[in-house]
């Protein structure tokens, strides 16, 4: 319940803090784009997801190797292939988010 109250208070402060900013006239020299914020959030979520995925892959592989040591080399090979594919997707996503955030116009 404390977390819900804290979240509501944070949203209230955000809304009242954003009112003067949004009440201003149109900018004369620059245009704000949410692409930079979206790119940063995308990069953060990508890295968090990749860390979680790699942790799950590692823990499952170690557990499987502990249960059946005779198939450890096959498990390790499969784990490395899946981890490499995950890292490739993560790198592609981070590069895409970086390009998107650099294209933002301020």
C-alpha atoms as a PDB file:
ATOM      1  CA  UNK A   1       0.000   0.000   0.000  1.00  0.00           C
ATOM      2  CA  UNK A   2       2.912   2.329   0.689  1.00  0.00           C
ATOM      3  CA  UNK A   3       4.213   1.727  -2.832  1.00  0.00           C
ATOM      4  CA  UNK A   4       0.859   2.683  -4.346  1.00  0.00           C
ATOM      5  CA  UNK A   5       0.755   5.876  -2.290  1.00  0.00           C
ATOM      6  CA  UNK A   6       4.306   6.720  -3.321  1.00  0.00           C
ATOM      7  CA  UNK A   7       3.513   6.114  -7.002  1.00  0.00           C
ATOM      8  CA  UNK A   8       0.404   8.301  -6.791  1.00  0.00           C
ATOM      9  CA  UNK A   9       2.371  11.071  -5.098  1.00  0.00           C
ATOM     10  CA  UNK A  10       5.089  10.874  -7.750  1.00  0.00           C
ATOM     11  CA  UNK A  11       2.498  11.126 -10.549  1.00  0.00           C
ATOM     12  CA  UNK A  12       0.846  14.059  -8.810  1.00  0.00           C
ATOM     13  CA  UNK A  13       4.156  15.909  -8.543  1.00  0.00           C
ATOM     14  CA  UNK A  14       4.919  15.082 -12.174  1.00  0.00           C
ATOM     15  CA  UNK A  15       1.596  16.414 -13.411  1.00  0.00           C
ATOM     16  CA  UNK A  16       1.776  19.638 -11.406  1.00  0.00           C
ATOM     17  CA  UNK A  17       5.417  20.113 -12.335  1.00  0.00           C
ATOM     18  CA  UNK A  18       4.703  19.667 -16.040  1.00  0.00           C
ATOM     19  CA  UNK A  19       1.832  22.181 -16.123  1.00  0.00           C
ATOM     20  CA  UNK A  20       4.005  25.333 -16.331  1.00  0.00           C
ATOM     21  CA  UNK A  21       6.207  23.720 -18.956  1.00  0.00           C
ATOM     22  CA  UNK A  22       3.298  22.685 -21.136  1.00  0.00           C
ATOM     23  CA  UNK A  23       1.622  26.117 -20.750  1.00  0.00           C
ATOM     24  CA  UNK A  24       4.448  27.900 -22.577  1.00  0.00           C
ATOM     25  CA  UNK A  25       4.158  29.094 -26.136  1.00  0.00           C
ATOM     26  CA  UNK A  26       5.633  27.221 -29.073  1.00  0.00           C
ATOM     27  CA  UNK A  27       9.434  27.144 -29.171  1.00  0.00           C
ATOM     28  CA  UNK A  28      11.107  29.497 -31.595  1.00  0.00           C
ATOM     29  CA  UNK A  29      14.476  27.815 -32.210  1.00  0.00           C
ATOM     30  CA  UNK A  30      14.125  24.165 -31.347  1.00  0.00           C
ATOM     31  CA  UNK A  31      11.607  21.358 -31.468  1.00  0.00           C
ATOM     32  CA  UNK A  32      11.392  18.827 -28.649  1.00  0.00           C
ATOM     33  CA  UNK A  33      11.166  15.235 -29.760  1.00  0.00           C
ATOM     34  CA  UNK A  34      10.499  12.297 -27.492  1.00  0.00           C
ATOM     35  CA  UNK A  35      12.747  10.127 -29.646  1.00  0.00           C
ATOM     36  CA  UNK A  36      15.737  10.749 -27.376  1.00  0.00           C
ATOM     37  CA  UNK A  37      13.820   9.726 -24.267  1.00  0.00           C
ATOM     38  CA  UNK A  38      12.374   6.721 -26.079  1.00  0.00           C
ATOM     39  CA  UNK A  39      15.809   5.696 -27.310  1.00  0.00           C
ATOM     40  CA  UNK A  40      17.258   5.893 -23.802  1.00  0.00           C
ATOM     41  CA  UNK A  41      14.413   3.902 -22.292  1.00  0.00           C
ATOM     42  CA  UNK A  42      14.668   1.356 -25.085  1.00  0.00           C
ATOM     43  CA  UNK A  43      18.385   0.883 -24.460  1.00  0.00           C
ATOM     44  CA  UNK A  44      17.807   0.490 -20.726  1.00  0.00           C
ATOM     45  CA  UNK A  45      15.052  -2.082 -21.161  1.00  0.00           C
ATOM     46  CA  UNK A  46      17.110  -3.975 -23.727  1.00  0.00           C
ATOM     47  CA  UNK A  47      20.094  -4.269 -21.405  1.00  0.00           C
ATOM     48  CA  UNK A  48      17.921  -5.269 -18.443  1.00  0.00           C
ATOM     49  CA  UNK A  49      16.192  -7.936 -20.542  1.00  0.00           C
ATOM     50  CA  UNK A  50      19.487  -9.267 -21.874  1.00  0.00           C
ATOM     51  CA  UNK A  51      20.949  -9.522 -18.386  1.00  0.00           C
ATOM     52  CA  UNK A  52      17.895 -11.370 -17.150  1.00  0.00           C
ATOM     53  CA  UNK A  53      17.933 -13.713 -20.151  1.00  0.00           C
ATOM     54  CA  UNK A  54      21.625 -14.508 -19.826  1.00  0.00           C
ATOM     55  CA  UNK A  55      21.175 -15.198 -16.129  1.00  0.00           C
ATOM     56  CA  UNK A  56      18.332 -17.607 -16.843  1.00  0.00           C
ATOM     57  CA  UNK A  57      20.335 -19.368 -19.564  1.00  0.00           C
ATOM     58  CA  UNK A  58      23.346 -19.752 -17.293  1.00  0.00           C
ATOM     59  CA  UNK A  59      21.397 -21.004 -14.302  1.00  0.00           C
ATOM     60  CA  UNK A  60      19.445 -23.535 -16.367  1.00  0.00           C
ATOM     61  CA  UNK A  61      22.620 -24.808 -18.040  1.00  0.00           C
ATOM     62  CA  UNK A  62      24.497 -25.208 -14.763  1.00  0.00           C
ATOM     63  CA  UNK A  63      21.528 -26.993 -13.205  1.00  0.00           C
ATOM     64  CA  UNK A  64      21.263 -29.350 -16.182  1.00  0.00           C
ATOM     65  CA  UNK A  65      25.007 -30.063 -16.074  1.00  0.00           C
ATOM     66  CA  UNK A  66      24.786 -30.834 -12.364  1.00  0.00           C
ATOM     67  CA  UNK A  67      21.962 -33.316 -12.960  1.00  0.00           C
ATOM     68  CA  UNK A  68      23.579 -35.072 -15.919  1.00  0.00           C
ATOM     69  CA  UNK A  69      27.345 -34.492 -16.069  1.00  0.00           C
ATOM     70  CA  UNK A  70      27.757 -36.860 -19.019  1.00  0.00           C
ATOM     71  CA  UNK A  71      25.900 -34.483 -21.387  1.00  0.00           C
ATOM     72  CA  UNK A  72      27.651 -31.340 -20.150  1.00  0.00           C
ATOM     73  CA  UNK A  73      29.516 -30.639 -23.431  1.00  0.00           C
ATOM     74  CA  UNK A  74      26.277 -30.720 -25.458  1.00  0.00           C
ATOM     75  CA  UNK A  75      24.514 -28.484 -22.957  1.00  0.00           C
ATOM     76  CA  UNK A  76      27.413 -26.052 -22.951  1.00  0.00           C
ATOM     77  CA  UNK A  77      27.417 -25.854 -26.753  1.00  0.00           C
ATOM     78  CA  UNK A  78      23.674 -25.216 -26.869  1.00  0.00           C
ATOM     79  CA  UNK A  79      23.988 -22.622 -24.101  1.00  0.00           C
ATOM     80  CA  UNK A  80      26.704 -20.738 -25.994  1.00  0.00           C
ATOM     81  CA  UNK A  81      24.681 -20.727 -29.216  1.00  0.00           C
ATOM     82  CA  UNK A  82      21.592 -19.354 -27.470  1.00  0.00           C
ATOM     83  CA  UNK A  83      23.669 -16.779 -25.563  1.00  0.00           C
ATOM     84  CA  UNK A  84      25.317 -15.608 -28.802  1.00  0.00           C
ATOM     85  CA  UNK A  85      21.921 -15.206 -30.468  1.00  0.00           C
ATOM     86  CA  UNK A  86      20.653 -13.249 -27.455  1.00  0.00           C
ATOM     87  CA  UNK A  87      23.688 -10.975 -27.521  1.00  0.00           C
ATOM     88  CA  UNK A  88      23.240 -10.391 -31.246  1.00  0.00           C
ATOM     89  CA  UNK A  89      19.626  -9.343 -30.789  1.00  0.00           C
ATOM     90  CA  UNK A  90      20.608  -7.144 -27.848  1.00  0.00           C
ATOM     91  CA  UNK A  91      23.346  -5.417 -29.814  1.00  0.00           C
ATOM     92  CA  UNK A  92      21.015  -4.803 -32.757  1.00  0.00           C
ATOM     93  CA  UNK A  93      18.376  -3.325 -30.453  1.00  0.00           C
ATOM     94  CA  UNK A  94      20.856  -1.072 -28.656  1.00  0.00           C
ATOM     95  CA  UNK A  95      22.258   0.198 -31.972  1.00  0.00           C
ATOM     96  CA  UNK A  96      18.739   0.864 -33.250  1.00  0.00           C
ATOM     97  CA  UNK A  97      17.848   2.777 -30.074  1.00  0.00           C
ATOM     98  CA  UNK A  98      21.110   4.752 -30.275  1.00  0.00           C
ATOM     99  CA  UNK A  99      20.425   5.743 -33.890  1.00  0.00           C
ATOM    100  CA  UNK A 100      16.863   6.679 -32.973  1.00  0.00           C
ATOM    101  CA  UNK A 101      17.968   8.862 -30.059  1.00  0.00           C
ATOM    102  CA  UNK A 102      20.627  10.599 -32.167  1.00  0.00           C
ATOM    103  CA  UNK A 103      18.019  11.461 -34.793  1.00  0.00           C
ATOM    104  CA  UNK A 104      16.041  13.459 -32.214  1.00  0.00           C
ATOM    105  CA  UNK A 105      15.719  17.172 -32.885  1.00  0.00           C
ATOM    106  CA  UNK A 106      16.005  19.524 -29.941  1.00  0.00           C
END
